[in-house]
């Protein structure tokens, strides 16, 4: 069975697998549960955008290790702009309710007929809708429901219940996640959605320097990675290109690692969760490290290149340029990931 979760004011075609029969979780009434995941303090933007009564709920939402609370908060922003000013700060109830478009199979939607449970929330006897500040289908919410509001029953229109339930869904019943992007895709399997959520989470203070608990380097030959990248110098940048005649930024880094027999993901956003974090303020940048900055449109983690030492990187910059060696842009670095253990003692 599949369930669709909709973005606020937008329609995404991602699907979320529904696991039925999970036990209801009950958090302490009137107070957020203790978070097992997390990633640093809220940024100034997080404090500005997130209502103060919701911030501790987001911080407590992760139900597993490795899930930054900023991911849950970013989903709350994407789905409803944190309730669009409709949430009662004392009870968490949303009034008027937030109801997404009918899932009628038109306008890019998946056709999902109404159920007695959905009708109680949407009032539509024909088609289902996503409801509440985290935009759950009733079936998805019921499968992962957490009672965090102190009410008799969990309710997707209650922000406290919905936020805690989102934290549980993202963890997929596991004690820790191994991929932040995979977790987001469980909520909505859309590249655009993953990009938007990651960008907002970084803006809220998430550092991919401490992403998934299962992160690890691999054994491999960094010299082969660098040699391949250097062999591409002078080839044109082309968005979406993965070689051999042209590359975009992440296409180049993916191909360079593939030359050494190491598979990394395609996009810069996914590559930013590979390997282990490098604290470039205290530790040296090594050849082969992936360096991430915002792209030309200002999207966090939208651009990547590979270091060839502590001062230079090979990068496919943007349309109209070629693969080239440039000084590392230290002032704009957002994350650095080490993929290969330089001592050869990595893990697969």
C-alpha atoms as a PDB file:
ATOM      1  CA  UNK A   1       0.000   0.000   0.000  1.00  0.00           C
ATOM      2  CA  UNK A   2       1.276   3.489  -0.833  1.00  0.00           C
ATOM      3  CA  UNK A   3       0.315   6.833   0.633  1.00  0.00           C
ATOM      4  CA  UNK A   4       1.045  10.289  -0.750  1.00  0.00           C
ATOM      5  CA  UNK A   5       2.190  13.214   1.358  1.00  0.00           C
ATOM      6  CA  UNK A   6       1.645  16.625  -0.189  1.00  0.00           C
ATOM      7  CA  UNK A   7       3.668  19.809   0.031  1.00  0.00           C
ATOM      8  CA  UNK A   8       2.048  23.067   1.180  1.00  0.00           C
ATOM      9  CA  UNK A   9       0.646  24.773  -1.891  1.00  0.00           C
ATOM     10  CA  UNK A  10       2.439  22.266  -4.129  1.00  0.00           C
ATOM     11  CA  UNK A  11       1.810  18.774  -5.406  1.00  0.00           C
ATOM     12  CA  UNK A  12       4.624  16.273  -5.238  1.00  0.00           C
ATOM     13  CA  UNK A  13       4.302  12.824  -6.767  1.00  0.00           C
ATOM     14  CA  UNK A  14       6.388  11.048  -4.146  1.00  0.00           C
ATOM     15  CA  UNK A  15       5.098   7.938  -2.390  1.00  0.00           C
ATOM     16  CA  UNK A  16       5.519   6.840   1.215  1.00  0.00           C
ATOM     17  CA  UNK A  17       5.287   3.171   2.114  1.00  0.00           C
ATOM     18  CA  UNK A  18       2.704   2.518   4.821  1.00  0.00           C
ATOM     19  CA  UNK A  19       3.486  -0.089   7.441  1.00  0.00           C
ATOM     20  CA  UNK A  20       0.361  -1.213   9.185  1.00  0.00           C
ATOM     21  CA  UNK A  21      -0.111  -2.605  12.640  1.00  0.00           C
ATOM     22  CA  UNK A  22       2.570  -0.597  14.438  1.00  0.00           C
ATOM     23  CA  UNK A  23       1.806   0.097  18.079  1.00  0.00           C
ATOM     24  CA  UNK A  24       0.737   3.586  19.067  1.00  0.00           C
ATOM     25  CA  UNK A  25       3.469   5.485  20.865  1.00  0.00           C
ATOM     26  CA  UNK A  26       2.553   7.780  23.720  1.00  0.00           C
ATOM     27  CA  UNK A  27       4.850  10.648  24.592  1.00  0.00           C
ATOM     28  CA  UNK A  28       4.685  12.413  27.919  1.00  0.00           C
ATOM     29  CA  UNK A  29       1.538  14.505  27.941  1.00  0.00           C
ATOM     30  CA  UNK A  30       2.063  18.217  27.515  1.00  0.00           C
ATOM     31  CA  UNK A  31       5.816  17.949  26.996  1.00  0.00           C
ATOM     32  CA  UNK A  32       8.083  16.884  24.167  1.00  0.00           C
ATOM     33  CA  UNK A  33       9.808  13.529  24.344  1.00  0.00           C
ATOM     34  CA  UNK A  34      13.577  13.232  24.590  1.00  0.00           C
ATOM     35  CA  UNK A  35      15.164  13.255  21.153  1.00  0.00           C
ATOM     36  CA  UNK A  36      17.536  10.481  20.124  1.00  0.00           C
ATOM     37  CA  UNK A  37      18.669  12.300  16.993  1.00  0.00           C
ATOM     38  CA  UNK A  38      19.792  15.859  16.576  1.00  0.00           C
ATOM     39  CA  UNK A  39      22.227  18.196  14.942  1.00  0.00           C
ATOM     40  CA  UNK A  40      23.249  21.304  16.797  1.00  0.00           C
ATOM     41  CA  UNK A  41      21.533  24.438  17.949  1.00  0.00           C
ATOM     42  CA  UNK A  42      18.888  26.300  15.948  1.00  0.00           C
ATOM     43  CA  UNK A  43      20.156  28.907  13.513  1.00  0.00           C
ATOM     44  CA  UNK A  44      18.918  32.483  13.607  1.00  0.00           C
ATOM     45  CA  UNK A  45      16.586  31.648  10.726  1.00  0.00           C
ATOM     46  CA  UNK A  46      15.153  28.675  12.624  1.00  0.00           C
ATOM     47  CA  UNK A  47      14.428  30.872  15.628  1.00  0.00           C
ATOM     48  CA  UNK A  48      12.851  33.461  13.354  1.00  0.00           C
ATOM     49  CA  UNK A  49      10.648  31.096  11.332  1.00  0.00           C
ATOM     50  CA  UNK A  50       9.685  28.356  13.778  1.00  0.00           C
ATOM     51  CA  UNK A  51       7.058  29.308  16.389  1.00  0.00           C
ATOM     52  CA  UNK A  52       8.705  29.097  19.822  1.00  0.00           C
ATOM     53  CA  UNK A  53       6.167  26.558  21.084  1.00  0.00           C
ATOM     54  CA  UNK A  54       6.964  24.244  18.151  1.00  0.00           C
ATOM     55  CA  UNK A  55      10.757  24.462  18.259  1.00  0.00           C
ATOM     56  CA  UNK A  56      11.181  22.070  21.217  1.00  0.00           C
ATOM     57  CA  UNK A  57       8.711  19.696  19.560  1.00  0.00           C
ATOM     58  CA  UNK A  58      10.860  19.550  16.443  1.00  0.00           C
ATOM     59  CA  UNK A  59      14.020  19.154  18.505  1.00  0.00           C
ATOM     60  CA  UNK A  60      12.454  16.187  20.321  1.00  0.00           C
ATOM     61  CA  UNK A  61      10.854  14.576  17.258  1.00  0.00           C
ATOM     62  CA  UNK A  62      13.595  12.225  15.972  1.00  0.00           C
ATOM     63  CA  UNK A  63      12.803   8.697  17.133  1.00  0.00           C
ATOM     64  CA  UNK A  64      16.203   7.297  16.165  1.00  0.00           C
ATOM     65  CA  UNK A  65      19.869   8.159  16.085  1.00  0.00           C
ATOM     66  CA  UNK A  66      21.249   9.952  13.061  1.00  0.00           C
ATOM     67  CA  UNK A  67      18.136  11.971  12.202  1.00  0.00           C
ATOM     68  CA  UNK A  68      18.777  15.703  12.691  1.00  0.00           C
ATOM     69  CA  UNK A  69      15.789  17.503  14.149  1.00  0.00           C
ATOM     70  CA  UNK A  70      16.217  20.117  11.434  1.00  0.00           C
ATOM     71  CA  UNK A  71      14.995  17.570   8.867  1.00  0.00           C
ATOM     72  CA  UNK A  72      11.670  17.256  10.691  1.00  0.00           C
ATOM     73  CA  UNK A  73      11.446  21.034  11.036  1.00  0.00           C
ATOM     74  CA  UNK A  74      12.272  21.534   7.365  1.00  0.00           C
ATOM     75  CA  UNK A  75       9.454  19.171   6.417  1.00  0.00           C
ATOM     76  CA  UNK A  76       7.142  21.193   8.652  1.00  0.00           C
ATOM     77  CA  UNK A  77       8.140  24.296   6.717  1.00  0.00           C
ATOM     78  CA  UNK A  78       7.765  22.716   3.290  1.00  0.00           C
ATOM     79  CA  UNK A  79       4.425  21.097   4.107  1.00  0.00           C
ATOM     80  CA  UNK A  80       2.609  23.960   5.838  1.00  0.00           C
ATOM     81  CA  UNK A  81       4.981  26.768   6.797  1.00  0.00           C
ATOM     82  CA  UNK A  82       4.785  25.456  10.374  1.00  0.00           C
ATOM     83  CA  UNK A  83       1.001  25.522  10.412  1.00  0.00           C
ATOM     84  CA  UNK A  84       0.581  28.893   8.705  1.00  0.00           C
ATOM     85  CA  UNK A  85      -0.331  30.600  11.988  1.00  0.00           C
ATOM     86  CA  UNK A  86      -3.247  28.235  12.660  1.00  0.00           C
ATOM     87  CA  UNK A  87      -1.814  26.242  15.586  1.00  0.00           C
ATOM     88  CA  UNK A  88      -2.982  26.766  19.161  1.00  0.00           C
ATOM     89  CA  UNK A  89       0.272  27.126  21.128  1.00  0.00           C
ATOM     90  CA  UNK A  90      -1.198  25.465  24.214  1.00  0.00           C
ATOM     91  CA  UNK A  91      -3.018  22.482  22.738  1.00  0.00           C
ATOM     92  CA  UNK A  92      -1.290  22.066  19.379  1.00  0.00           C
ATOM     93  CA  UNK A  93      -4.642  21.907  17.601  1.00  0.00           C
ATOM     94  CA  UNK A  94      -4.855  23.398  14.091  1.00  0.00           C
ATOM     95  CA  UNK A  95      -7.821  25.637  13.322  1.00  0.00           C
ATOM     96  CA  UNK A  96      -9.043  25.870  10.694  1.00  0.00           C
ATOM     97  CA  UNK A  97      -7.686  22.470   9.654  1.00  0.00           C
ATOM     98  CA  UNK A  98      -5.100  22.310   6.883  1.00  0.00           C
ATOM     99  CA  UNK A  99      -6.492  20.080   4.118  1.00  0.00           C
ATOM    100  CA  UNK A 100      -4.607  19.388   0.904  1.00  0.00           C
ATOM    101  CA  UNK A 101      -6.172  19.022  -2.542  1.00  0.00           C
ATOM    102  CA  UNK A 102      -8.356  16.033  -3.377  1.00  0.00           C
ATOM    103  CA  UNK A 103      -6.279  13.061  -4.509  1.00  0.00           C
ATOM    104  CA  UNK A 104      -8.499  12.395  -7.490  1.00  0.00           C
ATOM    105  CA  UNK A 105      -5.931  11.329 -10.045  1.00  0.00           C
ATOM    106  CA  UNK A 106      -6.001  14.695 -11.805  1.00  0.00           C
ATOM    107  CA  UNK A 107      -3.533  17.562 -11.784  1.00  0.00           C
ATOM    108  CA  UNK A 108      -0.600  15.259 -11.147  1.00  0.00           C
ATOM    109  CA  UNK A 109      -2.165  13.526  -8.139  1.00  0.00           C
ATOM    110  CA  UNK A 110      -2.503   9.836  -7.426  1.00  0.00           C
ATOM    111  CA  UNK A 111      -6.116   8.679  -7.172  1.00  0.00           C
ATOM    112  CA  UNK A 112      -6.783   7.617  -3.583  1.00  0.00           C
ATOM    113  CA  UNK A 113     -10.429   6.960  -2.686  1.00  0.00           C
ATOM    114  CA  UNK A 114     -11.822   8.196   0.597  1.00  0.00           C
ATOM    115  CA  UNK A 115     -12.123   5.896   3.585  1.00  0.00           C
ATOM    116  CA  UNK A 116     -14.377   6.263   6.623  1.00  0.00           C
ATOM    117  CA  UNK A 117     -11.302   7.357   8.579  1.00  0.00           C
ATOM    118  CA  UNK A 118     -10.280   9.989   6.023  1.00  0.00           C
ATOM    119  CA  UNK A 119     -13.811  11.355   5.689  1.00  0.00           C
ATOM    120  CA  UNK A 120     -13.810  12.151   9.390  1.00  0.00           C
ATOM    121  CA  UNK A 121     -10.882  14.524   8.821  1.00  0.00           C
ATOM    122  CA  UNK A 122     -11.535  15.845   5.307  1.00  0.00           C
ATOM    123  CA  UNK A 123     -15.307  15.794   4.905  1.00  0.00           C
ATOM    124  CA  UNK A 124     -14.837  14.482   1.356  1.00  0.00           C
ATOM    125  CA  UNK A 125     -16.832  11.266   0.798  1.00  0.00           C
ATOM    126  CA  UNK A 126     -15.131  10.548  -2.541  1.00  0.00           C
ATOM    127  CA  UNK A 127     -11.395  11.310  -2.377  1.00  0.00           C
ATOM    128  CA  UNK A 128      -8.722  11.283   0.260  1.00  0.00           C
ATOM    129  CA  UNK A 129      -6.662  14.389   1.129  1.00  0.00           C
ATOM    130  CA  UNK A 130      -3.479  15.057   3.083  1.00  0.00           C
ATOM    131  CA  UNK A 131      -4.313  16.779   6.351  1.00  0.00           C
ATOM    132  CA  UNK A 132      -2.678  18.715   9.137  1.00  0.00           C
ATOM    133  CA  UNK A 133       0.502  20.766   9.474  1.00  0.00           C
ATOM    134  CA  UNK A 134       2.691  17.801   8.459  1.00  0.00           C
ATOM    135  CA  UNK A 135       0.289  16.794   5.634  1.00  0.00           C
ATOM    136  CA  UNK A 136      -0.381  13.153   6.449  1.00  0.00           C
ATOM    137  CA  UNK A 137      -2.825  10.817   4.840  1.00  0.00           C
ATOM    138  CA  UNK A 138      -4.979   9.251   7.538  1.00  0.00           C
ATOM    139  CA  UNK A 139      -3.639   5.760   6.755  1.00  0.00           C
ATOM    140  CA  UNK A 140      -0.014   6.890   6.981  1.00  0.00           C
ATOM    141  CA  UNK A 141      -0.625   8.777  10.194  1.00  0.00           C
ATOM    142  CA  UNK A 142      -2.429   5.846  11.795  1.00  0.00           C
ATOM    143  CA  UNK A 143       0.443   3.512  10.881  1.00  0.00           C
ATOM    144  CA  UNK A 144       3.055   5.612  12.726  1.00  0.00           C
ATOM    145  CA  UNK A 145       0.929   7.606  15.176  1.00  0.00           C
ATOM    146  CA  UNK A 146       2.489   9.126  18.281  1.00  0.00           C
ATOM    147  CA  UNK A 147       0.295  10.650  20.947  1.00  0.00           C
ATOM    148  CA  UNK A 148       2.248  13.709  22.086  1.00  0.00           C
ATOM    149  CA  UNK A 149      -0.595  16.118  22.827  1.00  0.00           C
ATOM    150  CA  UNK A 150      -2.085  14.514  25.910  1.00  0.00           C
ATOM    151  CA  UNK A 151      -5.437  14.069  24.147  1.00  0.00           C
ATOM    152  CA  UNK A 152      -7.370  10.822  24.177  1.00  0.00           C
ATOM    153  CA  UNK A 153      -6.276   9.904  20.649  1.00  0.00           C
ATOM    154  CA  UNK A 154      -3.537  11.090  18.260  1.00  0.00           C
ATOM    155  CA  UNK A 155      -4.744  13.470  15.569  1.00  0.00           C
ATOM    156  CA  UNK A 156      -2.946  14.542  12.354  1.00  0.00           C
ATOM    157  CA  UNK A 157      -4.495  18.004  12.796  1.00  0.00           C
ATOM    158  CA  UNK A 158      -2.676  18.338  16.115  1.00  0.00           C
ATOM    159  CA  UNK A 159       0.822  19.726  15.513  1.00  0.00           C
ATOM    160  CA  UNK A 160       2.324  18.066  18.573  1.00  0.00           C
ATOM    161  CA  UNK A 161       1.088  14.626  17.476  1.00  0.00           C
ATOM    162  CA  UNK A 162       1.930  15.233  13.809  1.00  0.00           C
ATOM    163  CA  UNK A 163       5.510  16.393  14.438  1.00  0.00           C
ATOM    164  CA  UNK A 164       6.261  13.442  16.720  1.00  0.00           C
ATOM    165  CA  UNK A 165       4.685  11.063  14.219  1.00  0.00           C
ATOM    166  CA  UNK A 166       6.809  12.497  11.399  1.00  0.00           C
ATOM    167  CA  UNK A 167       9.930  11.830  13.464  1.00  0.00           C
ATOM    168  CA  UNK A 168       8.875   8.228  13.871  1.00  0.00           C
ATOM    169  CA  UNK A 169       7.997   7.729  10.197  1.00  0.00           C
ATOM    170  CA  UNK A 170      11.338   9.117   9.037  1.00  0.00           C
ATOM    171  CA  UNK A 171      13.152   6.587  11.233  1.00  0.00           C
ATOM    172  CA  UNK A 172      11.184   3.715   9.680  1.00  0.00           C
ATOM    173  CA  UNK A 173      11.142   1.775  12.930  1.00  0.00           C
ATOM    174  CA  UNK A 174      14.948   1.547  13.042  1.00  0.00           C
ATOM    175  CA  UNK A 175      17.196   2.541  15.988  1.00  0.00           C
ATOM    176  CA  UNK A 176      19.312   4.649  13.631  1.00  0.00           C
ATOM    177  CA  UNK A 177      19.215   5.826  10.032  1.00  0.00           C
ATOM    178  CA  UNK A 178      22.086   5.357   7.627  1.00  0.00           C
ATOM    179  CA  UNK A 179      20.983   7.903   5.024  1.00  0.00           C
ATOM    180  CA  UNK A 180      19.297  11.229   5.592  1.00  0.00           C
ATOM    181  CA  UNK A 181      18.186  11.430   1.979  1.00  0.00           C
ATOM    182  CA  UNK A 182      16.639   7.958   2.153  1.00  0.00           C
ATOM    183  CA  UNK A 183      14.720   9.055   5.231  1.00  0.00           C
ATOM    184  CA  UNK A 184      13.361  12.105   3.416  1.00  0.00           C
ATOM    185  CA  UNK A 185      12.362   9.936   0.480  1.00  0.00           C
ATOM    186  CA  UNK A 186      10.260   7.822   2.833  1.00  0.00           C
ATOM    187  CA  UNK A 187       8.248  10.977   3.365  1.00  0.00           C
ATOM    188  CA  UNK A 188       8.176  11.979  -0.304  1.00  0.00           C
ATOM    189  CA  UNK A 189      10.150  10.198  -3.020  1.00  0.00           C
ATOM    190  CA  UNK A 190      10.894  13.272  -5.114  1.00  0.00           C
ATOM    191  CA  UNK A 191      14.263  14.790  -6.044  1.00  0.00           C
ATOM    192  CA  UNK A 192      12.794  18.280  -5.818  1.00  0.00           C
ATOM    193  CA  UNK A 193      11.372  17.526  -2.378  1.00  0.00           C
ATOM    194  CA  UNK A 194      14.669  16.129  -1.063  1.00  0.00           C
ATOM    195  CA  UNK A 195      16.514  19.194  -2.349  1.00  0.00           C
ATOM    196  CA  UNK A 196      14.061  21.605  -0.745  1.00  0.00           C
ATOM    197  CA  UNK A 197      14.066  19.821   2.616  1.00  0.00           C
ATOM    198  CA  UNK A 198      17.864  19.520   2.763  1.00  0.00           C
ATOM    199  CA  UNK A 199      18.336  23.179   1.852  1.00  0.00           C
ATOM    200  CA  UNK A 200      15.935  24.311   4.574  1.00  0.00           C
ATOM    201  CA  UNK A 201      17.453  21.928   7.140  1.00  0.00           C
ATOM    202  CA  UNK A 202      20.920  23.346   6.486  1.00  0.00           C
ATOM    203  CA  UNK A 203      19.488  26.852   6.810  1.00  0.00           C
ATOM    204  CA  UNK A 204      18.037  25.782  10.172  1.00  0.00           C
ATOM    205  CA  UNK A 205      21.482  24.817  11.438  1.00  0.00           C
ATOM    206  CA  UNK A 206      21.907  21.210  10.351  1.00  0.00           C
ATOM    207  CA  UNK A 207      25.537  20.404   9.699  1.00  0.00           C
ATOM    208  CA  UNK A 208      26.180  17.423   7.508  1.00  0.00           C
ATOM    209  CA  UNK A 209      29.337  17.178   9.520  1.00  0.00           C
ATOM    210  CA  UNK A 210      27.356  14.970  11.822  1.00  0.00           C
ATOM    211  CA  UNK A 211      24.793  13.298   9.671  1.00  0.00           C
ATOM    212  CA  UNK A 212      24.002   9.619   9.826  1.00  0.00           C
ATOM    213  CA  UNK A 213      25.154   7.429  12.678  1.00  0.00           C
ATOM    214  CA  UNK A 214      26.181   4.698  10.257  1.00  0.00           C
ATOM    215  CA  UNK A 215      28.605   6.870   8.289  1.00  0.00           C
ATOM    216  CA  UNK A 216      31.912   5.281   7.297  1.00  0.00           C
ATOM    217  CA  UNK A 217      34.760   5.629   4.846  1.00  0.00           C
ATOM    218  CA  UNK A 218      35.766   2.925   2.383  1.00  0.00           C
ATOM    219  CA  UNK A 219      39.082   1.504   1.310  1.00  0.00           C
ATOM    220  CA  UNK A 220      40.281   2.715  -2.068  1.00  0.00           C
ATOM    221  CA  UNK A 221      42.942   4.427  -4.130  1.00  0.00           C
ATOM    222  CA  UNK A 222      42.612   8.207  -3.886  1.00  0.00           C
ATOM    223  CA  UNK A 223      45.364   8.619  -6.477  1.00  0.00           C
ATOM    224  CA  UNK A 224      43.105   7.016  -9.090  1.00  0.00           C
ATOM    225  CA  UNK A 225      40.283   9.414  -8.178  1.00  0.00           C
ATOM    226  CA  UNK A 226      42.542  12.441  -8.609  1.00  0.00           C
ATOM    227  CA  UNK A 227      44.160  11.112 -11.794  1.00  0.00           C
ATOM    228  CA  UNK A 228      40.754  10.612 -13.412  1.00  0.00           C
ATOM    229  CA  UNK A 229      39.583  14.094 -12.410  1.00  0.00           C
ATOM    230  CA  UNK A 230      42.776  15.649 -13.769  1.00  0.00           C
ATOM    231  CA  UNK A 231      42.289  13.799 -17.053  1.00  0.00           C
ATOM    232  CA  UNK A 232      38.968  15.631 -17.503  1.00  0.00           C
ATOM    233  CA  UNK A 233      40.507  19.112 -17.292  1.00  0.00           C
ATOM    234  CA  UNK A 234      39.305  21.332 -20.122  1.00  0.00           C
ATOM    235  CA  UNK A 235      36.090  19.407 -20.782  1.00  0.00           C
ATOM    236  CA  UNK A 236      32.980  21.609 -20.795  1.00  0.00           C
ATOM    237  CA  UNK A 237      30.486  21.956 -17.983  1.00  0.00           C
ATOM    238  CA  UNK A 238      27.054  20.713 -18.987  1.00  0.00           C
ATOM    239  CA  UNK A 239      24.199  20.479 -16.523  1.00  0.00           C
ATOM    240  CA  UNK A 240      23.152  16.860 -16.024  1.00  0.00           C
ATOM    241  CA  UNK A 241      26.212  15.481 -17.817  1.00  0.00           C
ATOM    242  CA  UNK A 242      28.135  12.546 -16.382  1.00  0.00           C
ATOM    243  CA  UNK A 243      30.829  12.226 -19.076  1.00  0.00           C
ATOM    244  CA  UNK A 244      32.784  11.265 -20.914  1.00  0.00           C
ATOM    245  CA  UNK A 245      32.740  14.454 -22.997  1.00  0.00           C
ATOM    246  CA  UNK A 246      31.150  16.880 -20.504  1.00  0.00           C
ATOM    247  CA  UNK A 247      30.282  16.997 -16.815  1.00  0.00           C
ATOM    248  CA  UNK A 248      28.323  18.876 -14.232  1.00  0.00           C
ATOM    249  CA  UNK A 249      29.884  19.216 -10.788  1.00  0.00           C
ATOM    250  CA  UNK A 250      28.506  16.062  -9.161  1.00  0.00           C
ATOM    251  CA  UNK A 251      28.769  14.121 -12.410  1.00  0.00           C
ATOM    252  CA  UNK A 252      32.511  14.756 -12.320  1.00  0.00           C
ATOM    253  CA  UNK A 253      32.951  13.689  -8.704  1.00  0.00           C
ATOM    254  CA  UNK A 254      30.807  10.591  -9.197  1.00  0.00           C
ATOM    255  CA  UNK A 255      32.782   9.572 -12.288  1.00  0.00           C
ATOM    256  CA  UNK A 256      36.119  10.182 -10.555  1.00  0.00           C
ATOM    257  CA  UNK A 257      35.213   7.879  -7.704  1.00  0.00           C
ATOM    258  CA  UNK A 258      33.753   5.309 -10.091  1.00  0.00           C
ATOM    259  CA  UNK A 259      37.143   5.176 -11.810  1.00  0.00           C
ATOM    260  CA  UNK A 260      38.536   3.899  -8.495  1.00  0.00           C
ATOM    261  CA  UNK A 261      35.738   1.353  -8.164  1.00  0.00           C
ATOM    262  CA  UNK A 262      33.866   3.377  -5.565  1.00  0.00           C
ATOM    263  CA  UNK A 263      30.169   4.109  -6.101  1.00  0.00           C
ATOM    264  CA  UNK A 264      28.826   7.387  -4.721  1.00  0.00           C
ATOM    265  CA  UNK A 265      25.423   8.941  -5.309  1.00  0.00           C
ATOM    266  CA  UNK A 266      24.602  11.169  -8.267  1.00  0.00           C
ATOM    267  CA  UNK A 267      23.622  14.547  -6.810  1.00  0.00           C
ATOM    268  CA  UNK A 268      25.620  16.890  -4.612  1.00  0.00           C
ATOM    269  CA  UNK A 269      22.881  16.686  -1.966  1.00  0.00           C
ATOM    270  CA  UNK A 270      23.197  12.911  -1.772  1.00  0.00           C
ATOM    271  CA  UNK A 271      26.987  13.002  -1.979  1.00  0.00           C
ATOM    272  CA  UNK A 272      26.974  15.328   1.030  1.00  0.00           C
ATOM    273  CA  UNK A 273      25.838  12.398   3.176  1.00  0.00           C
ATOM    274  CA  UNK A 274      28.525  10.005   1.918  1.00  0.00           C
ATOM    275  CA  UNK A 275      31.590   9.039   3.939  1.00  0.00           C
ATOM    276  CA  UNK A 276      32.448  10.948   7.112  1.00  0.00           C
ATOM    277  CA  UNK A 277      32.555  14.607   8.007  1.00  0.00           C
ATOM    278  CA  UNK A 278      35.755  16.636   7.933  1.00  0.00           C
ATOM    279  CA  UNK A 279      36.108  19.548  10.338  1.00  0.00           C
ATOM    280  CA  UNK A 280      38.113  21.722   7.957  1.00  0.00           C
ATOM    281  CA  UNK A 281      38.670  24.363  10.631  1.00  0.00           C
ATOM    282  CA  UNK A 282      40.731  21.979  12.756  1.00  0.00           C
ATOM    283  CA  UNK A 283      41.747  19.153  10.410  1.00  0.00           C
ATOM    284  CA  UNK A 284      43.630  19.324   7.105  1.00  0.00           C
ATOM    285  CA  UNK A 285      41.781  18.902   3.826  1.00  0.00           C
ATOM    286  CA  UNK A 286      43.107  15.788   2.102  1.00  0.00           C
ATOM    287  CA  UNK A 287      43.240  14.841  -1.559  1.00  0.00           C
ATOM    288  CA  UNK A 288      39.986  13.151  -2.518  1.00  0.00           C
ATOM    289  CA  UNK A 289      37.821  14.988   0.004  1.00  0.00           C
ATOM    290  CA  UNK A 290      34.543  16.242  -1.448  1.00  0.00           C
ATOM    291  CA  UNK A 291      33.992  19.952  -0.824  1.00  0.00           C
ATOM    292  CA  UNK A 292      30.482  21.417  -0.865  1.00  0.00           C
ATOM    293  CA  UNK A 293      29.258  24.979  -1.330  1.00  0.00           C
ATOM    294  CA  UNK A 294      26.010  26.613  -2.404  1.00  0.00           C
ATOM    295  CA  UNK A 295      25.238  26.566  -6.112  1.00  0.00           C
ATOM    296  CA  UNK A 296      24.817  29.582  -8.374  1.00  0.00           C
ATOM    297  CA  UNK A 297      21.229  30.028  -7.210  1.00  0.00           C
ATOM    298  CA  UNK A 298      22.264  30.007  -3.566  1.00  0.00           C
ATOM    299  CA  UNK A 299      20.947  26.502  -2.828  1.00  0.00           C
ATOM    300  CA  UNK A 300      22.962  25.044   0.072  1.00  0.00           C
ATOM    301  CA  UNK A 301      25.097  22.025  -0.842  1.00  0.00           C
ATOM    302  CA  UNK A 302      24.230  22.503  -4.493  1.00  0.00           C
ATOM    303  CA  UNK A 303      27.843  22.508  -5.709  1.00  0.00           C
ATOM    304  CA  UNK A 304      30.682  20.015  -5.190  1.00  0.00           C
ATOM    305  CA  UNK A 305      34.272  19.488  -6.232  1.00  0.00           C
ATOM    306  CA  UNK A 306      37.129  17.181  -5.245  1.00  0.00           C
ATOM    307  CA  UNK A 307      40.197  18.379  -3.338  1.00  0.00           C
ATOM    308  CA  UNK A 308      43.628  17.670  -4.792  1.00  0.00           C
ATOM    309  CA  UNK A 309      45.373  18.920  -1.686  1.00  0.00           C
ATOM    310  CA  UNK A 310      44.932  21.421   1.079  1.00  0.00           C
ATOM    311  CA  UNK A 311      44.624  24.478  -1.172  1.00  0.00           C
ATOM    312  CA  UNK A 312      43.167  23.443  -4.535  1.00  0.00           C
ATOM    313  CA  UNK A 313      40.258  21.475  -5.923  1.00  0.00           C
ATOM    314  CA  UNK A 314      39.129  20.179  -9.309  1.00  0.00           C
ATOM    315  CA  UNK A 315      35.660  21.364 -10.160  1.00  0.00           C
ATOM    316  CA  UNK A 316      33.179  21.745 -13.006  1.00  0.00           C
ATOM    317  CA  UNK A 317      31.964  25.238 -12.097  1.00  0.00           C
ATOM    318  CA  UNK A 318      28.976  26.269 -14.237  1.00  0.00           C
ATOM    319  CA  UNK A 319      27.689  26.654 -17.789  1.00  0.00           C
ATOM    320  CA  UNK A 320      30.254  28.314 -20.034  1.00  0.00           C
ATOM    321  CA  UNK A 321      33.242  27.024 -18.084  1.00  0.00           C
ATOM    322  CA  UNK A 322      35.316  23.859 -18.227  1.00  0.00           C
ATOM    323  CA  UNK A 323      36.597  21.361 -15.690  1.00  0.00           C
ATOM    324  CA  UNK A 324      39.432  23.205 -14.007  1.00  0.00           C
ATOM    325  CA  UNK A 325      41.696  23.504 -10.990  1.00  0.00           C
ATOM    326  CA  UNK A 326      40.802  26.406  -8.680  1.00  0.00           C
ATOM    327  CA  UNK A 327      41.743  27.588  -5.196  1.00  0.00           C
ATOM    328  CA  UNK A 328      39.505  26.005  -2.556  1.00  0.00           C
ATOM    329  CA  UNK A 329      36.836  28.634  -1.630  1.00  0.00           C
ATOM    330  CA  UNK A 330      37.363  28.442   2.118  1.00  0.00           C
ATOM    331  CA  UNK A 331      34.992  31.313   2.905  1.00  0.00           C
ATOM    332  CA  UNK A 332      32.016  29.570   1.287  1.00  0.00           C
ATOM    333  CA  UNK A 333      32.569  25.933   2.329  1.00  0.00           C
ATOM    334  CA  UNK A 334      29.415  24.384   3.770  1.00  0.00           C
ATOM    335  CA  UNK A 335      30.585  20.789   4.256  1.00  0.00           C
ATOM    336  CA  UNK A 336      33.501  18.481   3.500  1.00  0.00           C
ATOM    337  CA  UNK A 337      33.210  14.704   3.339  1.00  0.00           C
ATOM    338  CA  UNK A 338      35.997  12.140   3.379  1.00  0.00           C
ATOM    339  CA  UNK A 339      35.030   9.154   1.225  1.00  0.00           C
ATOM    340  CA  UNK A 340      38.220   7.106   1.280  1.00  0.00           C
ATOM    341  CA  UNK A 341      40.220   6.425   4.411  1.00  0.00           C
ATOM    342  CA  UNK A 342      43.733   7.695   3.583  1.00  0.00           C
ATOM    343  CA  UNK A 343      45.237   4.987   5.800  1.00  0.00           C
ATOM    344  CA  UNK A 344      43.451   2.235   3.884  1.00  0.00           C
ATOM    345  CA  UNK A 345      41.453   1.127   6.908  1.00  0.00           C
ATOM    346  CA  UNK A 346      38.027   2.089   5.753  1.00  0.00           C
ATOM    347  CA  UNK A 347      34.789   0.151   6.096  1.00  0.00           C
ATOM    348  CA  UNK A 348      32.414  -0.912   3.373  1.00  0.00           C
END
